[in-house]
Amino acid sequence: MFALDPQLQQDTLVMGDFPLCRLLLSNDSNYPWFILVPRRESISELFQLDDADQRQLWKETTVLAETLKDSFNADKLNVATLGNVVSQLHMHVIVRKRDDAAWPAPVWGKHPARPYTTEQVTVIRDRLRAALTDDFKFLED
């Protein structure tokens, strides 16, 4: 049974579900920072997903990245699976702008996280609602 890593639960806000992945928003308003987590048990590496799930993860990552590029007017997107702190497989999709708090350096550990306000989260949900297809189901926290 799928369970979200406790660190991800603590550091993120749940946005909803794609067919494979739970979509999370990192609770750091310095950057629009999204995380896709395949709803599969005991997976820490991309190659541990079967071929169909690997293709689905890439499809969901691409849909999300395209949506974020347009919806947030990104200068660059950072897309990566790292897992050095959280071993559960997860894909980071981070909107980067030339004027963001860390540009051009990586976002990790650069600045203290600034939690989102309720109003900011509502704006982000509305942007996603306007752009994501019926394959995505919004979940409320």
N, C-alpha and C. Protein backbone atom coordinates (compact mmCIF):
# COMPACT_ATOMS: atom_id res chain seq x y z
N MET A 1 0.83 -1.18 0.00
CA MET A 1 0.00 0.00 0.00
C MET A 1 0.89 1.26 0.00
N PHE A 2 0.54 2.23 -0.83
CA PHE A 2 1.31 3.47 -0.96
C PHE A 2 1.18 4.30 0.31
N ALA A 3 2.31 4.78 0.79
CA ALA A 3 2.34 5.73 1.90
C ALA A 3 3.39 6.78 1.58
N LEU A 4 3.04 8.02 1.79
CA LEU A 4 3.96 9.12 1.52
C LEU A 4 5.00 9.21 2.63
N ASP A 5 6.25 9.39 2.24
CA ASP A 5 7.34 9.53 3.19
C ASP A 5 7.02 10.65 4.19
N PRO A 6 7.30 10.43 5.49
CA PRO A 6 6.99 11.45 6.51
C PRO A 6 7.64 12.81 6.25
N GLN A 7 8.85 12.83 5.71
CA GLN A 7 9.51 14.11 5.41
C GLN A 7 8.76 14.86 4.32
N LEU A 8 8.30 14.14 3.29
CA LEU A 8 7.51 14.78 2.24
C LEU A 8 6.18 15.28 2.81
N GLN A 9 5.56 14.50 3.69
CA GLN A 9 4.31 14.94 4.32
C GLN A 9 4.52 16.25 5.08
N GLN A 10 5.63 16.35 5.76
CA GLN A 10 5.92 17.52 6.59
C GLN A 10 6.23 18.76 5.75
N ASP A 11 6.91 18.58 4.63
CA ASP A 11 7.45 19.71 3.86
C ASP A 11 6.60 20.16 2.68
N THR A 12 5.48 19.49 2.44
CA THR A 12 4.73 19.76 1.21
C THR A 12 3.24 19.92 1.48
N LEU A 13 2.56 20.41 0.45
CA LEU A 13 1.11 20.51 0.42
C LEU A 13 0.62 19.61 -0.72
N VAL A 14 -0.41 18.83 -0.46
CA VAL A 14 -0.95 17.94 -1.48
C VAL A 14 -1.79 18.74 -2.47
N MET A 15 -1.48 18.57 -3.75
CA MET A 15 -2.26 19.21 -4.80
C MET A 15 -3.29 18.25 -5.38
N GLY A 16 -2.85 17.00 -5.67
CA GLY A 16 -3.78 16.05 -6.26
C GLY A 16 -3.05 14.87 -6.84
N ASP A 17 -3.77 14.13 -7.71
CA ASP A 17 -3.24 12.90 -8.28
C ASP A 17 -3.35 12.87 -9.79
N PHE A 18 -2.25 12.51 -10.42
CA PHE A 18 -2.25 12.06 -11.80
C PHE A 18 -2.55 10.55 -11.75
N PRO A 19 -2.68 9.89 -12.89
CA PRO A 19 -2.94 8.44 -12.84
C PRO A 19 -1.89 7.66 -12.04
N LEU A 20 -0.62 8.04 -12.10
CA LEU A 20 0.43 7.34 -11.36
C LEU A 20 0.88 8.09 -10.12
N CYS A 21 1.06 9.38 -10.23
CA CYS A 21 1.76 10.14 -9.20
C CYS A 21 0.85 11.05 -8.38
N ARG A 22 1.22 11.19 -7.13
CA ARG A 22 0.67 12.24 -6.26
C ARG A 22 1.48 13.49 -6.55
N LEU A 23 0.79 14.62 -6.74
CA LEU A 23 1.46 15.89 -6.98
C LEU A 23 1.47 16.69 -5.69
N LEU A 24 2.67 17.09 -5.29
CA LEU A 24 2.87 17.87 -4.08
C LEU A 24 3.46 19.22 -4.44
N LEU A 25 3.22 20.20 -3.59
CA LEU A 25 3.83 21.52 -3.71
C LEU A 25 4.73 21.69 -2.49
N SER A 26 6.01 21.89 -2.73
CA SER A 26 6.92 22.16 -1.63
C SER A 26 6.47 23.45 -0.94
N ASN A 27 6.36 23.41 0.37
CA ASN A 27 5.86 24.57 1.11
C ASN A 27 6.96 25.61 1.28
N ASP A 28 7.42 26.11 0.15
CA ASP A 28 8.47 27.12 0.10
C ASP A 28 8.14 28.10 -1.02
N SER A 29 7.61 29.26 -0.64
CA SER A 29 7.17 30.21 -1.64
C SER A 29 8.31 30.96 -2.33
N ASN A 30 9.56 30.62 -2.01
CA ASN A 30 10.68 31.19 -2.76
C ASN A 30 10.64 30.75 -4.22
N TYR A 31 10.08 29.56 -4.47
CA TYR A 31 10.07 28.99 -5.83
C TYR A 31 8.80 28.16 -5.99
N PRO A 32 8.15 28.19 -7.14
CA PRO A 32 7.11 27.20 -7.42
C PRO A 32 7.81 25.84 -7.61
N TRP A 33 7.76 25.02 -6.60
CA TRP A 33 8.54 23.78 -6.53
C TRP A 33 7.58 22.62 -6.33
N PHE A 34 7.42 21.81 -7.35
CA PHE A 34 6.47 20.71 -7.33
C PHE A 34 7.22 19.38 -7.27
N ILE A 35 6.54 18.38 -6.71
CA ILE A 35 7.14 17.06 -6.54
C ILE A 35 6.11 16.02 -6.95
N LEU A 36 6.52 15.14 -7.86
CA LEU A 36 5.70 14.00 -8.27
C LEU A 36 6.19 12.75 -7.56
N VAL A 37 5.27 12.03 -6.91
CA VAL A 37 5.63 10.81 -6.19
C VAL A 37 4.79 9.66 -6.74
N PRO A 38 5.42 8.70 -7.42
CA PRO A 38 4.66 7.55 -7.91
C PRO A 38 4.00 6.82 -6.72
N ARG A 39 2.73 6.52 -6.87
CA ARG A 39 2.00 5.83 -5.81
C ARG A 39 2.27 4.32 -5.91
N ARG A 40 3.49 3.97 -5.62
CA ARG A 40 3.95 2.58 -5.61
C ARG A 40 4.73 2.35 -4.33
N GLU A 41 4.63 1.16 -3.78
CA GLU A 41 5.33 0.81 -2.54
C GLU A 41 6.79 0.51 -2.76
N SER A 42 7.59 0.87 -1.80
CA SER A 42 8.99 0.44 -1.71
C SER A 42 9.80 0.70 -2.98
N ILE A 43 9.62 1.87 -3.56
CA ILE A 43 10.37 2.24 -4.77
C ILE A 43 11.26 3.42 -4.40
N SER A 44 12.56 3.25 -4.61
CA SER A 44 13.49 4.35 -4.33
C SER A 44 14.24 4.81 -5.58
N GLU A 45 14.21 4.01 -6.62
CA GLU A 45 14.95 4.33 -7.84
C GLU A 45 14.03 4.23 -9.06
N LEU A 46 14.30 5.06 -10.04
CA LEU A 46 13.50 5.08 -11.26
C LEU A 46 13.45 3.71 -11.94
N PHE A 47 14.57 3.01 -11.98
CA PHE A 47 14.62 1.72 -12.68
C PHE A 47 13.81 0.63 -11.98
N GLN A 48 13.37 0.88 -10.74
CA GLN A 48 12.55 -0.11 -10.03
C GLN A 48 11.09 -0.09 -10.49
N LEU A 49 10.69 0.97 -11.17
CA LEU A 49 9.35 1.00 -11.76
C LEU A 49 9.34 0.10 -12.99
N ASP A 50 8.20 -0.54 -13.24
CA ASP A 50 8.12 -1.33 -14.47
C ASP A 50 8.08 -0.39 -15.67
N ASP A 51 8.22 -0.95 -16.86
CA ASP A 51 8.33 -0.11 -18.07
C ASP A 51 7.13 0.81 -18.24
N ALA A 52 5.93 0.30 -18.00
CA ALA A 52 4.72 1.12 -18.17
C ALA A 52 4.73 2.28 -17.18
N ASP A 53 5.11 2.02 -15.94
CA ASP A 53 5.15 3.10 -14.95
C ASP A 53 6.26 4.10 -15.25
N GLN A 54 7.38 3.65 -15.79
CA GLN A 54 8.44 4.58 -16.19
C GLN A 54 7.93 5.53 -17.27
N ARG A 55 7.24 4.98 -18.25
CA ARG A 55 6.68 5.81 -19.32
C ARG A 55 5.64 6.78 -18.76
N GLN A 56 4.80 6.29 -17.85
CA GLN A 56 3.76 7.14 -17.26
C GLN A 56 4.37 8.26 -16.42
N LEU A 57 5.41 7.95 -15.66
CA LEU A 57 6.09 8.99 -14.87
C LEU A 57 6.65 10.07 -15.78
N TRP A 58 7.28 9.65 -16.87
CA TRP A 58 7.83 10.64 -17.80
C TRP A 58 6.71 11.47 -18.44
N LYS A 59 5.60 10.83 -18.78
CA LYS A 59 4.46 11.55 -19.36
C LYS A 59 3.93 12.59 -18.37
N GLU A 60 3.75 12.20 -17.11
CA GLU A 60 3.24 13.12 -16.10
C GLU A 60 4.23 14.24 -15.82
N THR A 61 5.51 13.92 -15.82
CA THR A 61 6.55 14.94 -15.63
C THR A 61 6.51 15.95 -16.77
N THR A 62 6.36 15.47 -17.98
CA THR A 62 6.32 16.35 -19.15
C THR A 62 5.08 17.24 -19.13
N VAL A 63 3.92 16.66 -18.82
CA VAL A 63 2.69 17.45 -18.74
C VAL A 63 2.83 18.53 -17.67
N LEU A 64 3.34 18.14 -16.51
CA LEU A 64 3.52 19.12 -15.43
C LEU A 64 4.51 20.20 -15.84
N ALA A 65 5.64 19.83 -16.40
CA ALA A 65 6.67 20.80 -16.80
C ALA A 65 6.12 21.79 -17.83
N GLU A 66 5.41 21.29 -18.82
CA GLU A 66 4.83 22.18 -19.83
C GLU A 66 3.83 23.13 -19.20
N THR A 67 3.01 22.61 -18.29
CA THR A 67 2.01 23.42 -17.60
C THR A 67 2.69 24.51 -16.78
N LEU A 68 3.74 24.15 -16.04
CA LEU A 68 4.42 25.11 -15.19
C LEU A 68 5.17 26.16 -16.00
N LYS A 69 5.80 25.74 -17.08
CA LYS A 69 6.54 26.68 -17.93
C LYS A 69 5.61 27.80 -18.40
N ASP A 70 4.42 27.40 -18.86
CA ASP A 70 3.45 28.38 -19.36
C ASP A 70 2.77 29.15 -18.24
N SER A 71 2.32 28.44 -17.20
CA SER A 71 1.52 29.07 -16.14
C SER A 71 2.33 30.00 -15.23
N PHE A 72 3.63 29.72 -15.11
CA PHE A 72 4.46 30.52 -14.21
C PHE A 72 5.53 31.31 -14.95
N ASN A 73 5.45 31.30 -16.28
CA ASN A 73 6.39 32.07 -17.10
C ASN A 73 7.85 31.79 -16.71
N ALA A 74 8.18 30.51 -16.64
CA ALA A 74 9.52 30.08 -16.20
C ALA A 74 10.59 30.46 -17.21
N ASP A 75 11.75 30.86 -16.69
CA ASP A 75 12.92 31.03 -17.54
C ASP A 75 13.59 29.68 -17.76
N LYS A 76 13.49 28.81 -16.76
CA LYS A 76 14.11 27.48 -16.81
C LYS A 76 13.35 26.57 -15.86
N LEU A 77 13.31 25.29 -16.16
CA LEU A 77 12.74 24.30 -15.25
C LEU A 77 13.85 23.38 -14.80
N ASN A 78 13.92 23.11 -13.51
CA ASN A 78 14.84 22.11 -12.97
C ASN A 78 14.03 20.86 -12.72
N VAL A 79 14.41 19.76 -13.36
CA VAL A 79 13.70 18.49 -13.24
C VAL A 79 14.71 17.44 -12.81
N ALA A 80 14.43 16.76 -11.68
CA ALA A 80 15.41 15.80 -11.18
C ALA A 80 14.81 14.84 -10.16
N THR A 81 15.40 13.65 -10.10
CA THR A 81 15.17 12.73 -8.98
C THR A 81 16.49 12.66 -8.24
N LEU A 82 16.47 12.93 -6.95
CA LEU A 82 17.70 12.89 -6.18
C LEU A 82 17.61 11.83 -5.09
N GLY A 83 16.82 12.09 -4.07
CA GLY A 83 16.60 11.08 -3.05
C GLY A 83 17.71 10.92 -2.03
N ASN A 84 18.54 11.92 -1.87
CA ASN A 84 19.60 11.81 -0.88
C ASN A 84 19.06 11.93 0.55
N VAL A 85 18.00 12.69 0.75
CA VAL A 85 17.38 12.85 2.07
C VAL A 85 16.15 11.96 2.18
N VAL A 86 15.30 11.99 1.17
CA VAL A 86 14.08 11.17 1.13
C VAL A 86 14.32 10.07 0.11
N SER A 87 14.36 8.83 0.57
CA SER A 87 14.67 7.74 -0.36
C SER A 87 13.49 7.37 -1.25
N GLN A 88 12.27 7.66 -0.86
CA GLN A 88 11.11 7.35 -1.69
C GLN A 88 11.26 8.06 -3.04
N LEU A 89 11.08 7.33 -4.13
CA LEU A 89 11.23 7.93 -5.45
C LEU A 89 10.30 9.12 -5.60
N HIS A 90 10.88 10.25 -6.00
CA HIS A 90 10.11 11.45 -6.25
C HIS A 90 10.85 12.30 -7.28
N MET A 91 10.07 12.98 -8.10
CA MET A 91 10.59 13.82 -9.18
C MET A 91 10.33 15.28 -8.84
N HIS A 92 11.40 16.06 -8.74
CA HIS A 92 11.28 17.50 -8.51
C HIS A 92 11.08 18.20 -9.85
N VAL A 93 10.14 19.12 -9.90
CA VAL A 93 9.93 19.98 -11.06
C VAL A 93 9.83 21.40 -10.50
N ILE A 94 10.90 22.17 -10.69
CA ILE A 94 11.02 23.47 -10.03
C ILE A 94 11.06 24.57 -11.08
N VAL A 95 10.18 25.54 -10.91
CA VAL A 95 10.15 26.71 -11.78
C VAL A 95 11.27 27.64 -11.35
N ARG A 96 12.12 27.98 -12.29
CA ARG A 96 13.22 28.92 -12.01
C ARG A 96 13.05 30.18 -12.85
N LYS A 97 13.34 31.29 -12.20
CA LYS A 97 13.33 32.59 -12.87
C LYS A 97 14.65 33.28 -12.58
N ARG A 98 15.07 34.07 -13.52
CA ARG A 98 16.36 34.76 -13.36
C ARG A 98 16.39 35.68 -12.13
N ASP A 99 15.22 36.06 -11.63
CA ASP A 99 15.17 36.93 -10.46
C ASP A 99 14.76 36.18 -9.19
N ASP A 100 14.79 34.82 -9.20
CA ASP A 100 14.41 34.10 -7.99
C ASP A 100 15.52 34.18 -6.93
N ALA A 101 15.21 33.74 -5.74
CA ALA A 101 16.10 33.93 -4.58
C ALA A 101 17.45 33.24 -4.72
N ALA A 102 17.55 32.21 -5.55
CA ALA A 102 18.80 31.45 -5.64
C ALA A 102 19.48 31.52 -7.00
N TRP A 103 18.82 32.10 -8.00
CA TRP A 103 19.35 32.07 -9.37
C TRP A 103 20.80 32.53 -9.42
N PRO A 104 21.68 31.87 -10.13
CA PRO A 104 21.51 30.66 -10.93
C PRO A 104 21.87 29.38 -10.17
N ALA A 105 22.11 29.50 -8.88
CA ALA A 105 22.52 28.34 -8.07
C ALA A 105 21.34 27.39 -7.85
N PRO A 106 21.64 26.16 -7.41
CA PRO A 106 20.56 25.24 -7.05
C PRO A 106 19.74 25.81 -5.89
N VAL A 107 18.49 25.37 -5.77
CA VAL A 107 17.60 25.90 -4.74
C VAL A 107 17.82 25.26 -3.37
N TRP A 108 18.40 24.05 -3.33
CA TRP A 108 18.53 23.32 -2.08
C TRP A 108 19.43 24.05 -1.09
N GLY A 109 18.87 24.35 0.09
CA GLY A 109 19.65 24.92 1.17
C GLY A 109 20.14 26.34 0.95
N LYS A 110 19.68 26.97 -0.10
CA LYS A 110 20.16 28.31 -0.43
C LYS A 110 19.55 29.36 0.50
N HIS A 111 18.24 29.25 0.74
CA HIS A 111 17.52 30.22 1.57
C HIS A 111 16.54 29.45 2.45
N PRO A 112 16.23 29.98 3.63
CA PRO A 112 15.22 29.33 4.46
C PRO A 112 13.88 29.29 3.72
N ALA A 113 13.14 28.22 3.92
CA ALA A 113 11.82 28.10 3.29
C ALA A 113 10.89 29.16 3.85
N ARG A 114 10.09 29.73 2.96
CA ARG A 114 9.03 30.67 3.35
C ARG A 114 7.71 30.00 3.05
N PRO A 115 6.99 29.55 4.09
CA PRO A 115 5.72 28.84 3.85
C PRO A 115 4.73 29.71 3.07
N TYR A 116 3.91 29.03 2.26
CA TYR A 116 2.87 29.70 1.50
C TYR A 116 1.75 30.17 2.41
N THR A 117 1.12 31.27 2.03
CA THR A 117 -0.14 31.67 2.67
C THR A 117 -1.27 30.90 2.02
N THR A 118 -2.42 30.88 2.66
CA THR A 118 -3.60 30.22 2.08
C THR A 118 -3.95 30.85 0.74
N GLU A 119 -3.83 32.15 0.65
CA GLU A 119 -4.16 32.85 -0.60
C GLU A 119 -3.21 32.46 -1.72
N GLN A 120 -1.92 32.34 -1.41
CA GLN A 120 -0.95 31.94 -2.43
C GLN A 120 -1.23 30.53 -2.94
N VAL A 121 -1.60 29.63 -2.05
CA VAL A 121 -1.92 28.25 -2.46
C VAL A 121 -3.16 28.25 -3.34
N THR A 122 -4.13 29.06 -3.02
CA THR A 122 -5.34 29.16 -3.84
C THR A 122 -5.00 29.63 -5.26
N VAL A 123 -4.13 30.60 -5.37
CA VAL A 123 -3.70 31.10 -6.69
C VAL A 123 -3.02 29.99 -7.48
N ILE A 124 -2.15 29.23 -6.82
CA ILE A 124 -1.45 28.13 -7.51
C ILE A 124 -2.44 27.07 -7.95
N ARG A 125 -3.36 26.68 -7.08
CA ARG A 125 -4.39 25.69 -7.46
C ARG A 125 -5.20 26.19 -8.66
N ASP A 126 -5.56 27.47 -8.66
CA ASP A 126 -6.34 28.02 -9.76
C ASP A 126 -5.55 27.98 -11.07
N ARG A 127 -4.25 28.27 -11.01
CA ARG A 127 -3.42 28.19 -12.22
C ARG A 127 -3.37 26.76 -12.75
N LEU A 128 -3.22 25.82 -11.84
CA LEU A 128 -3.18 24.41 -12.25
C LEU A 128 -4.52 23.95 -12.80
N ARG A 129 -5.61 24.36 -12.14
CA ARG A 129 -6.95 23.98 -12.61
C ARG A 129 -7.19 24.44 -14.04
N ALA A 130 -6.70 25.63 -14.35
CA ALA A 130 -6.91 26.20 -15.68
C ALA A 130 -6.11 25.46 -16.75
N ALA A 131 -5.06 24.75 -16.34
CA ALA A 131 -4.15 24.18 -17.33
C ALA A 131 -4.14 22.65 -17.38
N LEU A 132 -4.41 21.98 -16.28
CA LEU A 132 -4.31 20.52 -16.28
C LEU A 132 -5.57 19.87 -16.83
N THR A 133 -5.40 18.70 -17.41
CA THR A 133 -6.51 18.00 -18.07
C THR A 133 -7.31 17.16 -17.08
N ASP A 134 -8.26 16.42 -17.62
CA ASP A 134 -9.09 15.53 -16.81
C ASP A 134 -8.32 14.37 -16.21
N ASP A 135 -7.08 14.14 -16.67
CA ASP A 135 -6.25 13.08 -16.10
C ASP A 135 -5.77 13.43 -14.69
N PHE A 136 -5.99 14.66 -14.26
CA PHE A 136 -5.52 15.10 -12.95
C PHE A 136 -6.73 15.33 -12.05
N LYS A 137 -6.65 14.81 -10.83
CA LYS A 137 -7.72 14.97 -9.84
C LYS A 137 -7.17 15.77 -8.66
N PHE A 138 -7.79 16.93 -8.40
CA PHE A 138 -7.37 17.76 -7.27
C PHE A 138 -7.83 17.13 -5.97
N LEU A 139 -6.97 17.19 -4.96
CA LEU A 139 -7.29 16.75 -3.61
C LEU A 139 -7.11 17.93 -2.69
N GLU A 140 -7.94 18.04 -1.72
CA GLU A 140 -7.81 19.14 -0.75
C GLU A 140 -7.06 18.62 0.46
N ASP A 141 -6.23 19.46 1.06
CA ASP A 141 -5.46 19.08 2.25
C ASP A 141 -6.37 18.75 3.40
